[in-house]
Each structure stands twice: as structure tokens, then as C-alpha cells.
Amino acid sequence: MMAIRRSGALSRNITIGWRSSYQEPLLWAADAVVGATTWWLDGRAACFDLLHEKVSVIDLD
């Protein structure tokens, strides 16, 4: 992040912080969705099947 700040691509007025998943459950939820989607792409759909009605997959191929 410091390199991005030094390059001028990130304003010095923007603050960035780290939070554990215990403090920010939405981080855990996003990680779970990405994991389920990755497993689905690898042919293991059990977890993704629970989420398929709520997830949109966009193919950029």
C-alpha cells in the first residue's frame, strides 16, 4: 500500500486498516462465497449449490 501511496495513485486522505474476521463478519462471508465459487469451478459444486440462487457468475471469456 505504501508503494501505491508514493506513486500518487492513492490519496493520502484515504485511510486503510486491517480488521480480523471476528470484527468484520462481512469479510468472512465474502471469503466463503469466493471459496465456494472456486470449488464449483474445479468441479466440486456442493457448497456452491447452497448459494447458486444468490450468486451471479459473469464469464469474461
Protein backbone atom coordinates (compact mmCIF):
# COMPACT_ATOMS: atom_id res chain seq x y z
CA MET A 1 0.00 0.00 0.00
CA MET A 2 2.84 2.37 0.72
CA ALA A 3 4.12 2.00 -2.85
CA ILE A 4 0.67 2.89 -4.21
CA ARG A 5 0.56 5.96 -1.95
CA ARG A 6 4.05 7.04 -3.05
CA SER A 7 3.08 6.67 -6.71
CA GLY A 8 0.21 9.12 -6.18
CA ALA A 9 -2.42 6.58 -7.24
CA LEU A 10 -3.95 6.58 -3.75
CA SER A 11 -4.83 9.81 -1.97
CA ARG A 12 -3.12 10.41 1.36
CA ASN A 13 -6.59 11.32 2.71
CA ILE A 14 -7.77 7.72 2.37
CA THR A 15 -7.08 5.55 5.38
CA ILE A 16 -6.62 1.81 5.17
CA GLY A 17 -6.87 -0.54 8.11
CA TRP A 18 -6.86 -4.22 8.89
CA ARG A 19 -9.66 -5.94 10.76
CA SER A 20 -9.93 -9.53 11.81
CA SER A 21 -12.88 -11.53 10.53
CA TYR A 22 -14.20 -11.61 14.10
CA GLN A 23 -14.57 -7.82 13.99
CA GLU A 24 -15.93 -7.71 10.44
CA PRO A 25 -18.11 -10.73 9.58
CA LEU A 26 -18.74 -9.47 6.03
CA LEU A 27 -15.10 -10.25 5.23
CA TRP A 28 -15.68 -13.85 6.29
CA ALA A 29 -18.87 -14.05 4.23
CA ALA A 30 -17.16 -12.78 1.08
CA ASP A 31 -14.32 -15.27 1.58
CA ALA A 32 -16.82 -18.12 1.94
CA VAL A 33 -18.59 -17.17 -1.31
CA VAL A 34 -15.29 -16.93 -3.20
CA GLY A 35 -14.19 -20.31 -1.82
CA ALA A 36 -17.47 -21.98 -2.80
CA THR A 37 -17.27 -20.46 -6.28
CA THR A 38 -13.68 -21.57 -6.76
CA TRP A 39 -14.56 -25.12 -5.72
CA TRP A 40 -17.51 -25.04 -8.15
CA LEU A 41 -15.17 -24.04 -10.97
CA ASP A 42 -12.98 -27.02 -10.02
CA GLY A 43 -15.96 -29.38 -10.30
CA ARG A 44 -16.89 -29.58 -6.59
CA ALA A 45 -20.30 -27.92 -6.54
CA ALA A 46 -21.70 -28.98 -3.13
CA CYS A 47 -21.05 -25.65 -1.38
CA PHE A 48 -21.87 -23.53 -4.41
CA ASP A 49 -25.21 -25.32 -4.81
CA LEU A 50 -26.25 -23.75 -1.49
CA LEU A 51 -25.51 -20.27 -2.86
CA HIS A 52 -26.33 -20.50 -6.58
CA GLU A 53 -29.58 -18.52 -6.29
CA LYS A 54 -27.72 -15.58 -4.71
CA VAL A 55 -24.51 -15.56 -6.82
CA SER A 56 -24.15 -14.18 -10.33
CA VAL A 57 -21.30 -15.57 -12.41
CA ILE A 58 -20.09 -13.38 -15.26
CA ASP A 59 -17.88 -15.06 -17.87
CA LEU A 60 -15.44 -12.57 -19.39
CA ASP A 61 -14.03 -15.06 -21.88
